Amino acid sequence: MMKITQALLDELTEKAKASPRLRMNLDLRNSDQDQSQRMLNAIEPGSVVPIHRHPTTSETVVCLRGRCAIRDGSVLRVCSMGIDSF
């Protein structure tokens, strides 16, 4: 079991800020044989995640802090989490 702490989120956020793509992920799979899409992603403002599909797996997005905007066809869905979101 992995505990997602404020320190872990802060560290991943700093790595994302330093990345040319403005995002960084932490692999949460149990082994290389695990074919799931379990990752903790830090995505900074200005980063673009291209529309994509995973033909043999599903993908779930959970916003832990900050804001996330996802376009679903013509609908823009926005999620805000954290101290400053309310």
N, C-alpha and C. Protein backbone atom coordinates (compact mmCIF):
# COMPACT_ATOMS: atom_id res chain seq x y z
N MET A 1 0.85 -1.18 0.00
CA MET A 1 0.00 0.00 0.00
C MET A 1 0.89 1.24 0.00
N MET A 2 0.49 2.24 -0.77
CA MET A 2 1.22 3.50 -0.82
C MET A 2 0.33 4.61 -0.26
N LYS A 3 0.88 5.40 0.61
CA LYS A 3 0.15 6.53 1.17
C LYS A 3 0.48 7.77 0.34
N ILE A 4 -0.55 8.43 -0.17
CA ILE A 4 -0.36 9.66 -0.94
C ILE A 4 -0.39 10.82 0.05
N THR A 5 0.77 11.41 0.28
CA THR A 5 0.92 12.48 1.26
C THR A 5 1.08 13.83 0.56
N GLN A 6 0.95 14.88 1.35
CA GLN A 6 1.19 16.23 0.83
C GLN A 6 2.62 16.34 0.29
N ALA A 7 3.57 15.74 1.01
CA ALA A 7 4.97 15.78 0.58
C ALA A 7 5.16 15.07 -0.76
N LEU A 8 4.51 13.94 -0.96
CA LEU A 8 4.60 13.21 -2.23
C LEU A 8 4.01 14.05 -3.36
N LEU A 9 2.85 14.67 -3.12
CA LEU A 9 2.23 15.52 -4.14
C LEU A 9 3.11 16.72 -4.46
N ASP A 10 3.70 17.33 -3.42
CA ASP A 10 4.58 18.48 -3.63
C ASP A 10 5.81 18.10 -4.46
N GLU A 11 6.40 16.95 -4.16
CA GLU A 11 7.58 16.48 -4.89
C GLU A 11 7.25 16.23 -6.36
N LEU A 12 6.12 15.57 -6.61
CA LEU A 12 5.71 15.29 -7.98
C LEU A 12 5.39 16.59 -8.73
N THR A 13 4.79 17.55 -8.04
CA THR A 13 4.49 18.85 -8.64
C THR A 13 5.76 19.58 -9.04
N GLU A 14 6.78 19.56 -8.20
CA GLU A 14 8.04 20.21 -8.53
C GLU A 14 8.70 19.57 -9.75
N LYS A 15 8.61 18.25 -9.85
CA LYS A 15 9.15 17.56 -11.03
C LYS A 15 8.37 17.94 -12.28
N ALA A 16 7.06 18.09 -12.16
CA ALA A 16 6.24 18.49 -13.31
C ALA A 16 6.60 19.90 -13.77
N LYS A 17 6.80 20.80 -12.83
CA LYS A 17 7.17 22.18 -13.17
C LYS A 17 8.51 22.24 -13.91
N ALA A 18 9.41 21.32 -13.59
CA ALA A 18 10.74 21.29 -14.21
C ALA A 18 10.74 20.55 -15.55
N SER A 19 9.67 19.85 -15.85
CA SER A 19 9.59 19.06 -17.08
C SER A 19 9.18 19.93 -18.27
N PRO A 20 9.78 19.71 -19.44
CA PRO A 20 9.40 20.48 -20.64
C PRO A 20 7.91 20.32 -20.99
N ARG A 21 7.33 19.16 -20.68
CA ARG A 21 5.90 18.93 -20.97
C ARG A 21 4.99 19.43 -19.86
N LEU A 22 5.59 19.92 -18.76
CA LEU A 22 4.84 20.44 -17.61
C LEU A 22 3.96 19.38 -16.95
N ARG A 23 4.41 18.14 -17.01
CA ARG A 23 3.68 17.07 -16.31
C ARG A 23 4.65 15.95 -15.96
N MET A 24 4.29 15.21 -14.93
CA MET A 24 5.13 14.10 -14.46
C MET A 24 4.20 13.07 -13.84
N ASN A 25 4.54 11.80 -14.02
CA ASN A 25 3.71 10.76 -13.39
C ASN A 25 4.55 9.85 -12.51
N LEU A 26 3.87 9.26 -11.57
CA LEU A 26 4.44 8.27 -10.66
C LEU A 26 3.70 6.97 -10.91
N ASP A 27 4.43 5.94 -11.29
CA ASP A 27 3.84 4.64 -11.60
C ASP A 27 3.36 3.99 -10.30
N LEU A 28 2.09 3.65 -10.24
CA LEU A 28 1.51 3.02 -9.05
C LEU A 28 1.26 1.52 -9.22
N ARG A 29 1.73 0.98 -10.33
CA ARG A 29 1.52 -0.46 -10.56
C ARG A 29 2.37 -1.28 -9.61
N ASN A 30 1.96 -2.51 -9.38
CA ASN A 30 2.68 -3.41 -8.48
C ASN A 30 3.91 -4.04 -9.13
N SER A 31 3.88 -4.16 -10.47
CA SER A 31 5.01 -4.76 -11.19
C SER A 31 4.92 -4.37 -12.66
N ASP A 32 5.97 -4.66 -13.42
CA ASP A 32 5.97 -4.39 -14.85
C ASP A 32 4.95 -5.24 -15.60
N GLN A 33 4.54 -6.36 -15.01
CA GLN A 33 3.56 -7.24 -15.64
C GLN A 33 2.13 -6.71 -15.47
N ASP A 34 1.93 -5.79 -14.55
CA ASP A 34 0.62 -5.19 -14.33
C ASP A 34 0.30 -4.31 -15.54
N GLN A 35 -0.74 -4.64 -16.28
CA GLN A 35 -1.09 -3.93 -17.52
C GLN A 35 -2.09 -2.79 -17.30
N SER A 36 -2.33 -2.41 -16.05
CA SER A 36 -3.29 -1.34 -15.77
C SER A 36 -2.69 0.03 -16.06
N GLN A 37 -3.51 1.04 -16.01
CA GLN A 37 -3.10 2.43 -16.21
C GLN A 37 -3.12 3.16 -14.87
N ARG A 38 -2.44 2.63 -13.85
CA ARG A 38 -2.45 3.24 -12.52
C ARG A 38 -1.26 4.17 -12.37
N MET A 39 -1.52 5.45 -12.48
CA MET A 39 -0.46 6.45 -12.34
C MET A 39 -1.00 7.63 -11.56
N LEU A 40 -0.12 8.26 -10.82
CA LEU A 40 -0.43 9.52 -10.16
C LEU A 40 0.23 10.59 -11.02
N ASN A 41 -0.56 11.48 -11.61
CA ASN A 41 -0.06 12.48 -12.54
C ASN A 41 -0.11 13.86 -11.93
N ALA A 42 0.97 14.59 -12.03
CA ALA A 42 0.99 16.02 -11.72
C ALA A 42 1.02 16.73 -13.06
N ILE A 43 0.03 17.55 -13.30
CA ILE A 43 -0.09 18.26 -14.58
C ILE A 43 -0.20 19.74 -14.27
N GLU A 44 0.75 20.50 -14.78
CA GLU A 44 0.81 21.94 -14.52
C GLU A 44 0.04 22.73 -15.57
N PRO A 45 -0.42 23.95 -15.20
CA PRO A 45 -1.08 24.81 -16.19
C PRO A 45 -0.19 25.00 -17.41
N GLY A 46 -0.80 24.93 -18.58
CA GLY A 46 -0.06 25.07 -19.83
C GLY A 46 0.27 23.73 -20.47
N SER A 47 0.16 22.65 -19.71
CA SER A 47 0.39 21.32 -20.27
C SER A 47 -0.85 20.88 -21.03
N VAL A 48 -0.62 20.19 -22.13
CA VAL A 48 -1.73 19.67 -22.93
C VAL A 48 -1.58 18.15 -22.99
N VAL A 49 -2.65 17.45 -22.63
CA VAL A 49 -2.67 16.00 -22.73
C VAL A 49 -3.51 15.66 -23.96
N PRO A 50 -2.89 15.16 -25.02
CA PRO A 50 -3.64 14.88 -26.24
C PRO A 50 -4.76 13.87 -26.02
N ILE A 51 -5.81 14.01 -26.79
CA ILE A 51 -6.89 13.03 -26.76
C ILE A 51 -6.31 11.69 -27.18
N HIS A 52 -6.60 10.66 -26.41
CA HIS A 52 -6.07 9.34 -26.71
C HIS A 52 -7.01 8.27 -26.18
N ARG A 53 -6.80 7.07 -26.61
CA ARG A 53 -7.60 5.92 -26.16
C ARG A 53 -6.65 4.79 -25.78
N HIS A 54 -7.13 3.98 -24.84
CA HIS A 54 -6.42 2.76 -24.46
C HIS A 54 -7.32 1.61 -24.87
N PRO A 55 -7.00 0.93 -25.97
CA PRO A 55 -7.91 -0.08 -26.50
C PRO A 55 -8.14 -1.28 -25.58
N THR A 56 -7.20 -1.59 -24.70
CA THR A 56 -7.38 -2.79 -23.87
C THR A 56 -7.53 -2.47 -22.38
N THR A 57 -7.46 -1.20 -22.00
CA THR A 57 -7.63 -0.82 -20.59
C THR A 57 -8.49 0.43 -20.49
N SER A 58 -8.96 0.70 -19.29
CA SER A 58 -9.73 1.92 -19.09
C SER A 58 -8.87 2.95 -18.37
N GLU A 59 -9.35 4.19 -18.35
CA GLU A 59 -8.61 5.25 -17.68
C GLU A 59 -9.58 6.06 -16.84
N THR A 60 -9.21 6.32 -15.61
CA THR A 60 -10.02 7.11 -14.69
C THR A 60 -9.21 8.31 -14.25
N VAL A 61 -9.83 9.48 -14.22
CA VAL A 61 -9.16 10.70 -13.77
C VAL A 61 -9.77 11.12 -12.44
N VAL A 62 -8.92 11.31 -11.44
CA VAL A 62 -9.35 11.78 -10.12
C VAL A 62 -8.52 13.01 -9.80
N CYS A 63 -9.19 14.12 -9.54
CA CYS A 63 -8.50 15.36 -9.22
C CYS A 63 -8.30 15.43 -7.70
N LEU A 64 -7.04 15.41 -7.24
CA LEU A 64 -6.75 15.46 -5.81
C LEU A 64 -6.57 16.88 -5.30
N ARG A 65 -6.00 17.74 -6.12
CA ARG A 65 -5.87 19.15 -5.77
C ARG A 65 -5.68 19.96 -7.04
N GLY A 66 -6.03 21.22 -6.98
CA GLY A 66 -5.91 22.06 -8.15
C GLY A 66 -7.18 22.04 -8.97
N ARG A 67 -7.01 22.21 -10.27
CA ARG A 67 -8.16 22.27 -11.17
C ARG A 67 -7.86 21.44 -12.41
N CYS A 68 -8.87 20.79 -12.92
CA CYS A 68 -8.74 19.94 -14.09
C CYS A 68 -9.88 20.27 -15.05
N ALA A 69 -9.56 20.50 -16.31
CA ALA A 69 -10.58 20.75 -17.33
C ALA A 69 -10.47 19.65 -18.38
N ILE A 70 -11.59 19.00 -18.65
CA ILE A 70 -11.62 17.91 -19.63
C ILE A 70 -12.72 18.21 -20.64
N ARG A 71 -12.36 18.13 -21.92
CA ARG A 71 -13.36 18.35 -22.97
C ARG A 71 -13.93 17.00 -23.37
N ASP A 72 -15.25 16.90 -23.28
CA ASP A 72 -15.99 15.70 -23.66
C ASP A 72 -16.89 16.10 -24.83
N GLY A 73 -16.36 15.95 -26.04
CA GLY A 73 -17.09 16.44 -27.20
C GLY A 73 -17.13 17.96 -27.16
N SER A 74 -18.33 18.52 -27.15
CA SER A 74 -18.47 19.97 -27.10
C SER A 74 -18.64 20.48 -25.67
N VAL A 75 -18.63 19.58 -24.68
CA VAL A 75 -18.84 19.95 -23.28
C VAL A 75 -17.50 20.04 -22.56
N LEU A 76 -17.26 21.16 -21.88
CA LEU A 76 -16.06 21.32 -21.08
C LEU A 76 -16.41 21.06 -19.63
N ARG A 77 -15.78 20.07 -19.03
CA ARG A 77 -16.04 19.71 -17.63
C ARG A 77 -14.85 20.20 -16.81
N VAL A 78 -15.14 20.91 -15.72
CA VAL A 78 -14.09 21.45 -14.87
C VAL A 78 -14.28 20.93 -13.46
N CYS A 79 -13.18 20.48 -12.85
CA CYS A 79 -13.18 19.97 -11.48
C CYS A 79 -12.16 20.79 -10.70
N SER A 80 -12.54 21.26 -9.51
CA SER A 80 -11.61 21.98 -8.64
C SER A 80 -11.56 21.29 -7.29
N MET A 81 -10.34 21.11 -6.79
CA MET A 81 -10.15 20.47 -5.48
C MET A 81 -9.10 21.23 -4.70
N GLY A 82 -9.17 21.13 -3.37
CA GLY A 82 -8.17 21.73 -2.52
C GLY A 82 -8.71 22.89 -1.71
N ILE A 83 -7.86 23.48 -0.93
CA ILE A 83 -8.24 24.54 0.00
C ILE A 83 -8.85 25.74 -0.72
N ASP A 84 -8.29 26.14 -1.85
CA ASP A 84 -8.72 27.35 -2.54
C ASP A 84 -9.88 27.12 -3.51
N SER A 85 -10.44 25.93 -3.55
CA SER A 85 -11.44 25.64 -4.58
C SER A 85 -12.86 25.98 -4.17
N PHE A 86 -13.09 26.29 -2.90
CA PHE A 86 -14.47 26.53 -2.45
C PHE A 86 -14.68 27.96 -2.04
